Structure formats: structure tokens, C-alpha cells
Amino acid sequence: MFHRLVEQIFESAQKDFKKASEEIRLFVDTMPREDFILTVKEIGTIPESIEHDSTEEKLYSKASDIVLARCFRELGLASRALDERGDSADIIAESRSGYHYSLVA
């Protein structure tokens, strides 16, 4: 499934970044859990087929944010990868329990 995610990144790279990000988010969020777990194990290494400073590299980084956000949700936190860039976190996760803590990544 990880290889299919990389294919999705290449397919989406032809679109504007926001649309491409949404397609990748949908792809990651609808992966079966078993496939998602395998993707988590491989997402930390950027494939050599992705060129440095390319649109695909930026989308791969966004995909890794989306994967981490889903990891937090799998742990029971409310989480999402933010669309904004710059002086803000890429991912925010908040507890659903009475503790009301939050995490940023």
C-alpha cells in the first residue's frame, strides 16, 4: 500500500497543492487499518524516485503529516494535518477526555 501512496503522490502532483493534499488525505484516511500500519512503517524514508525540492517532495511531506495525524486518531485523539504553513505546527492533536491536553508536531 505504501507504493500505492507514492503513486498517488505522483498522480496528484499535476494538480494545485490544496487539491492534491485533499486527494492524499482521502487516500490515507480510507486505507484499511492493516495497510495503514504497513504504511506507517515505511513513511519515514523518502523514496529515491522523489526528486529534491520537487512538488512530489512537498506532497510526500504533506502525506507524512496526514499519516501522523491518522496515527493520533488511531490512539483516540482528535487530530488533523493543518493546511497552513509557516510559523505554525503542521499537525495538532487534542485529547477527547477530560484532561484537555493538546499536542503539536
N, C-alpha and C. Protein backbone atom coordinates (compact mmCIF):
# COMPACT_ATOMS: atom_id res chain seq x y z
N MET A 1 0.82 -1.20 0.00
CA MET A 1 0.00 0.00 0.00
C MET A 1 0.86 1.26 0.00
N PHE A 2 2.03 1.21 0.62
CA PHE A 2 2.92 2.36 0.62
C PHE A 2 3.26 2.77 -0.81
N HIS A 3 3.54 1.79 -1.66
CA HIS A 3 3.88 2.09 -3.05
C HIS A 3 2.69 2.73 -3.76
N ARG A 4 1.49 2.33 -3.40
CA ARG A 4 0.30 2.96 -3.98
C ARG A 4 0.17 4.41 -3.52
N LEU A 5 0.55 4.69 -2.27
CA LEU A 5 0.56 6.07 -1.78
C LEU A 5 1.55 6.92 -2.59
N VAL A 6 2.72 6.38 -2.85
CA VAL A 6 3.71 7.11 -3.66
C VAL A 6 3.16 7.36 -5.06
N GLU A 7 2.49 6.37 -5.64
CA GLU A 7 1.86 6.56 -6.95
C GLU A 7 0.81 7.67 -6.89
N GLN A 8 0.04 7.69 -5.81
CA GLN A 8 -0.98 8.73 -5.63
C GLN A 8 -0.33 10.10 -5.57
N ILE A 9 0.80 10.20 -4.91
CA ILE A 9 1.52 11.47 -4.83
C ILE A 9 1.92 11.94 -6.22
N PHE A 10 2.46 11.04 -7.02
CA PHE A 10 2.87 11.42 -8.39
C PHE A 10 1.66 11.80 -9.24
N GLU A 11 0.55 11.09 -9.07
CA GLU A 11 -0.66 11.42 -9.83
C GLU A 11 -1.22 12.78 -9.41
N SER A 12 -1.17 13.06 -8.13
CA SER A 12 -1.75 14.31 -7.60
C SER A 12 -0.86 15.52 -7.85
N ALA A 13 0.41 15.30 -8.12
CA ALA A 13 1.36 16.41 -8.27
C ALA A 13 1.02 17.31 -9.45
N GLN A 14 0.20 16.85 -10.36
CA GLN A 14 -0.18 17.66 -11.52
C GLN A 14 -1.26 18.69 -11.18
N LYS A 15 -1.86 18.56 -10.01
CA LYS A 15 -2.95 19.45 -9.59
C LYS A 15 -2.41 20.52 -8.65
N ASP A 16 -3.26 21.50 -8.32
CA ASP A 16 -2.82 22.50 -7.35
C ASP A 16 -2.63 21.83 -5.99
N PHE A 17 -1.77 22.44 -5.16
CA PHE A 17 -1.34 21.79 -3.93
C PHE A 17 -2.50 21.45 -3.00
N LYS A 18 -3.45 22.35 -2.87
CA LYS A 18 -4.58 22.11 -1.96
C LYS A 18 -5.41 20.91 -2.43
N LYS A 19 -5.71 20.84 -3.71
CA LYS A 19 -6.48 19.72 -4.26
C LYS A 19 -5.69 18.42 -4.12
N ALA A 20 -4.39 18.47 -4.41
CA ALA A 20 -3.54 17.29 -4.29
C ALA A 20 -3.50 16.81 -2.84
N SER A 21 -3.40 17.74 -1.91
CA SER A 21 -3.38 17.38 -0.48
C SER A 21 -4.67 16.70 -0.06
N GLU A 22 -5.79 17.20 -0.54
CA GLU A 22 -7.08 16.59 -0.21
C GLU A 22 -7.19 15.18 -0.76
N GLU A 23 -6.69 14.96 -1.97
CA GLU A 23 -6.71 13.61 -2.55
C GLU A 23 -5.85 12.66 -1.72
N ILE A 24 -4.70 13.12 -1.29
CA ILE A 24 -3.82 12.28 -0.47
C ILE A 24 -4.46 12.02 0.89
N ARG A 25 -5.09 13.05 1.46
CA ARG A 25 -5.77 12.88 2.75
C ARG A 25 -6.87 11.81 2.64
N LEU A 26 -7.66 11.87 1.60
CA LEU A 26 -8.71 10.89 1.38
C LEU A 26 -8.12 9.49 1.20
N PHE A 27 -7.04 9.40 0.45
CA PHE A 27 -6.38 8.10 0.23
C PHE A 27 -5.91 7.51 1.56
N VAL A 28 -5.22 8.30 2.37
CA VAL A 28 -4.69 7.82 3.65
C VAL A 28 -5.83 7.48 4.62
N ASP A 29 -6.81 8.34 4.69
CA ASP A 29 -7.89 8.15 5.66
C ASP A 29 -8.79 6.96 5.33
N THR A 30 -8.78 6.51 4.08
CA THR A 30 -9.64 5.37 3.71
C THR A 30 -8.85 4.06 3.58
N MET A 31 -7.57 4.09 3.89
CA MET A 31 -6.77 2.85 3.86
C MET A 31 -7.30 1.89 4.91
N PRO A 32 -7.38 0.61 4.58
CA PRO A 32 -7.69 -0.37 5.63
C PRO A 32 -6.60 -0.32 6.71
N ARG A 33 -6.98 -0.61 7.93
CA ARG A 33 -6.06 -0.47 9.07
C ARG A 33 -4.76 -1.25 8.87
N GLU A 34 -4.85 -2.47 8.37
CA GLU A 34 -3.65 -3.29 8.18
C GLU A 34 -2.69 -2.64 7.18
N ASP A 35 -3.24 -2.10 6.09
CA ASP A 35 -2.41 -1.41 5.10
C ASP A 35 -1.84 -0.13 5.68
N PHE A 36 -2.62 0.55 6.51
CA PHE A 36 -2.15 1.78 7.14
C PHE A 36 -0.95 1.49 8.04
N ILE A 37 -1.02 0.43 8.80
CA ILE A 37 0.09 0.07 9.70
C ILE A 37 1.37 -0.17 8.90
N LEU A 38 1.26 -0.83 7.77
CA LEU A 38 2.43 -1.05 6.92
C LEU A 38 2.96 0.27 6.37
N THR A 39 2.07 1.18 6.03
CA THR A 39 2.48 2.49 5.53
C THR A 39 3.22 3.28 6.61
N VAL A 40 2.75 3.20 7.84
CA VAL A 40 3.42 3.89 8.95
C VAL A 40 4.86 3.41 9.07
N LYS A 41 5.08 2.13 8.86
CA LYS A 41 6.43 1.57 8.98
C LYS A 41 7.36 2.09 7.89
N GLU A 42 6.82 2.52 6.74
CA GLU A 42 7.66 2.92 5.62
C GLU A 42 7.70 4.42 5.35
N ILE A 43 6.81 5.19 5.95
CA ILE A 43 6.67 6.60 5.59
C ILE A 43 7.88 7.45 5.97
N GLY A 44 8.72 6.99 6.88
CA GLY A 44 9.85 7.78 7.36
C GLY A 44 10.98 7.97 6.37
N THR A 45 10.99 7.21 5.28
CA THR A 45 12.06 7.31 4.30
C THR A 45 11.48 7.75 2.96
N ILE A 46 11.97 8.87 2.45
CA ILE A 46 11.51 9.37 1.16
C ILE A 46 12.10 8.50 0.05
N PRO A 47 11.26 7.96 -0.82
CA PRO A 47 11.78 7.12 -1.91
C PRO A 47 12.72 7.90 -2.83
N GLU A 48 13.68 7.22 -3.39
CA GLU A 48 14.65 7.86 -4.29
C GLU A 48 14.00 8.39 -5.56
N SER A 49 12.84 7.88 -5.90
CA SER A 49 12.15 8.35 -7.11
C SER A 49 11.60 9.77 -6.96
N ILE A 50 11.58 10.29 -5.74
CA ILE A 50 11.09 11.64 -5.48
C ILE A 50 12.27 12.59 -5.46
N GLU A 51 12.27 13.54 -6.39
CA GLU A 51 13.37 14.49 -6.52
C GLU A 51 13.34 15.55 -5.42
N HIS A 52 14.53 15.99 -5.04
CA HIS A 52 14.70 17.04 -4.03
C HIS A 52 14.06 18.33 -4.50
N ASP A 53 13.38 19.04 -3.60
CA ASP A 53 12.73 20.32 -3.87
C ASP A 53 11.67 20.26 -4.97
N SER A 54 11.09 19.11 -5.17
CA SER A 54 10.05 18.95 -6.19
C SER A 54 8.66 19.06 -5.55
N THR A 55 7.67 19.20 -6.39
CA THR A 55 6.28 19.18 -5.91
C THR A 55 6.00 17.86 -5.23
N GLU A 56 6.52 16.79 -5.79
CA GLU A 56 6.31 15.46 -5.19
C GLU A 56 6.90 15.39 -3.79
N GLU A 57 8.06 16.02 -3.58
CA GLU A 57 8.66 16.00 -2.24
C GLU A 57 7.80 16.78 -1.25
N LYS A 58 7.26 17.90 -1.68
CA LYS A 58 6.38 18.68 -0.80
C LYS A 58 5.11 17.88 -0.47
N LEU A 59 4.58 17.18 -1.48
CA LEU A 59 3.39 16.35 -1.24
C LEU A 59 3.72 15.15 -0.37
N TYR A 60 4.90 14.61 -0.49
CA TYR A 60 5.30 13.50 0.37
C TYR A 60 5.36 13.96 1.82
N SER A 61 5.90 15.16 2.02
CA SER A 61 5.95 15.72 3.37
C SER A 61 4.53 15.91 3.92
N LYS A 62 3.62 16.40 3.08
CA LYS A 62 2.23 16.56 3.49
C LYS A 62 1.62 15.20 3.80
N ALA A 63 1.94 14.20 2.97
CA ALA A 63 1.42 12.84 3.21
C ALA A 63 1.91 12.30 4.55
N SER A 64 3.16 12.57 4.89
CA SER A 64 3.66 12.10 6.19
C SER A 64 2.94 12.81 7.34
N ASP A 65 2.60 14.08 7.17
CA ASP A 65 1.80 14.80 8.17
C ASP A 65 0.42 14.15 8.32
N ILE A 66 -0.17 13.81 7.19
CA ILE A 66 -1.50 13.20 7.19
C ILE A 66 -1.46 11.83 7.86
N VAL A 67 -0.41 11.08 7.60
CA VAL A 67 -0.25 9.76 8.23
C VAL A 67 -0.10 9.92 9.75
N LEU A 68 0.71 10.88 10.19
CA LEU A 68 0.88 11.11 11.64
C LEU A 68 -0.44 11.53 12.28
N ALA A 69 -1.18 12.39 11.60
CA ALA A 69 -2.48 12.81 12.15
C ALA A 69 -3.40 11.59 12.32
N ARG A 70 -3.40 10.68 11.34
CA ARG A 70 -4.23 9.48 11.48
C ARG A 70 -3.72 8.62 12.62
N CYS A 71 -2.41 8.55 12.81
CA CYS A 71 -1.86 7.79 13.95
C CYS A 71 -2.44 8.31 15.26
N PHE A 72 -2.45 9.63 15.41
CA PHE A 72 -3.02 10.22 16.62
C PHE A 72 -4.50 9.85 16.76
N ARG A 73 -5.23 9.88 15.65
CA ARG A 73 -6.66 9.49 15.71
C ARG A 73 -6.81 8.03 16.10
N GLU A 74 -5.93 7.18 15.60
CA GLU A 74 -5.97 5.76 15.97
C GLU A 74 -5.73 5.58 17.47
N LEU A 75 -5.02 6.53 18.07
CA LEU A 75 -4.77 6.49 19.52
C LEU A 75 -5.90 7.14 20.32
N GLY A 76 -6.93 7.61 19.63
CA GLY A 76 -8.08 8.18 20.32
C GLY A 76 -8.07 9.70 20.47
N LEU A 77 -7.15 10.37 19.81
CA LEU A 77 -7.09 11.83 19.87
C LEU A 77 -7.81 12.43 18.67
N ALA A 78 -8.33 13.61 18.84
CA ALA A 78 -8.86 14.37 17.70
C ALA A 78 -7.65 15.01 17.05
N SER A 79 -7.42 14.73 15.77
CA SER A 79 -6.20 15.21 15.13
C SER A 79 -6.42 15.52 13.66
N ARG A 80 -5.64 16.48 13.18
CA ARG A 80 -5.68 16.81 11.75
C ARG A 80 -4.37 17.45 11.35
N ALA A 81 -4.04 17.27 10.09
CA ALA A 81 -2.89 17.95 9.50
C ALA A 81 -3.39 19.30 9.00
N LEU A 82 -2.74 20.34 9.42
CA LEU A 82 -3.17 21.69 9.06
C LEU A 82 -2.75 22.03 7.65
N ASP A 83 -3.54 22.85 6.98
CA ASP A 83 -3.22 23.28 5.62
C ASP A 83 -2.20 24.42 5.62
N GLU A 84 -2.19 25.21 6.67
CA GLU A 84 -1.30 26.36 6.72
C GLU A 84 0.14 25.91 6.88
N ARG A 85 1.03 26.73 6.38
CA ARG A 85 2.46 26.50 6.56
C ARG A 85 3.04 27.76 7.18
N GLY A 86 4.28 27.70 7.55
CA GLY A 86 4.94 28.88 8.09
C GLY A 86 5.17 28.72 9.57
N ASP A 87 4.81 29.72 10.34
CA ASP A 87 5.10 29.74 11.76
C ASP A 87 4.01 29.04 12.58
N SER A 88 3.59 27.86 12.11
CA SER A 88 2.60 27.11 12.86
C SER A 88 2.94 25.62 12.79
N ALA A 89 2.34 24.87 13.64
CA ALA A 89 2.54 23.42 13.64
C ALA A 89 1.90 22.83 12.39
N ASP A 90 2.38 21.69 11.98
CA ASP A 90 1.81 21.00 10.82
C ASP A 90 0.65 20.09 11.22
N ILE A 91 0.70 19.60 12.46
CA ILE A 91 -0.33 18.68 12.96
C ILE A 91 -0.71 19.10 14.37
N ILE A 92 -1.99 19.04 14.65
CA ILE A 92 -2.46 19.29 16.01
C ILE A 92 -3.33 18.12 16.44
N ALA A 93 -3.14 17.71 17.68
CA ALA A 93 -3.94 16.62 18.24
C ALA A 93 -4.42 17.05 19.62
N GLU A 94 -5.66 16.74 19.93
CA GLU A 94 -6.24 17.14 21.21
C GLU A 94 -6.94 15.94 21.84
N SER A 95 -6.84 15.88 23.16
CA SER A 95 -7.48 14.78 23.86
C SER A 95 -9.00 14.92 23.80
N ARG A 96 -9.66 13.79 23.82
CA ARG A 96 -11.13 13.79 23.85
C ARG A 96 -11.63 13.54 25.27
N SER A 97 -10.68 13.30 26.15
CA SER A 97 -11.06 13.02 27.53
C SER A 97 -11.14 14.32 28.33
N GLY A 98 -11.35 14.20 29.60
CA GLY A 98 -11.47 15.36 30.46
C GLY A 98 -10.16 16.09 30.74
N TYR A 99 -9.05 15.57 30.25
CA TYR A 99 -7.76 16.18 30.53
C TYR A 99 -7.48 17.41 29.68
N HIS A 100 -8.07 17.48 28.52
CA HIS A 100 -7.96 18.65 27.62
C HIS A 100 -6.52 19.05 27.30
N TYR A 101 -5.68 18.07 27.00
CA TYR A 101 -4.33 18.39 26.59
C TYR A 101 -4.26 18.40 25.06
N SER A 102 -3.23 19.04 24.53
CA SER A 102 -3.04 19.05 23.09
C SER A 102 -1.58 18.80 22.76
N LEU A 103 -1.36 18.29 21.58
CA LEU A 103 -0.02 18.02 21.06
C LEU A 103 0.12 18.72 19.72
N VAL A 104 1.31 19.18 19.43
CA VAL A 104 1.58 19.73 18.09
C VAL A 104 2.83 19.04 17.56
N ALA A 105 2.87 18.90 16.25
CA ALA A 105 4.03 18.26 15.61
C ALA A 105 4.31 18.99 14.32
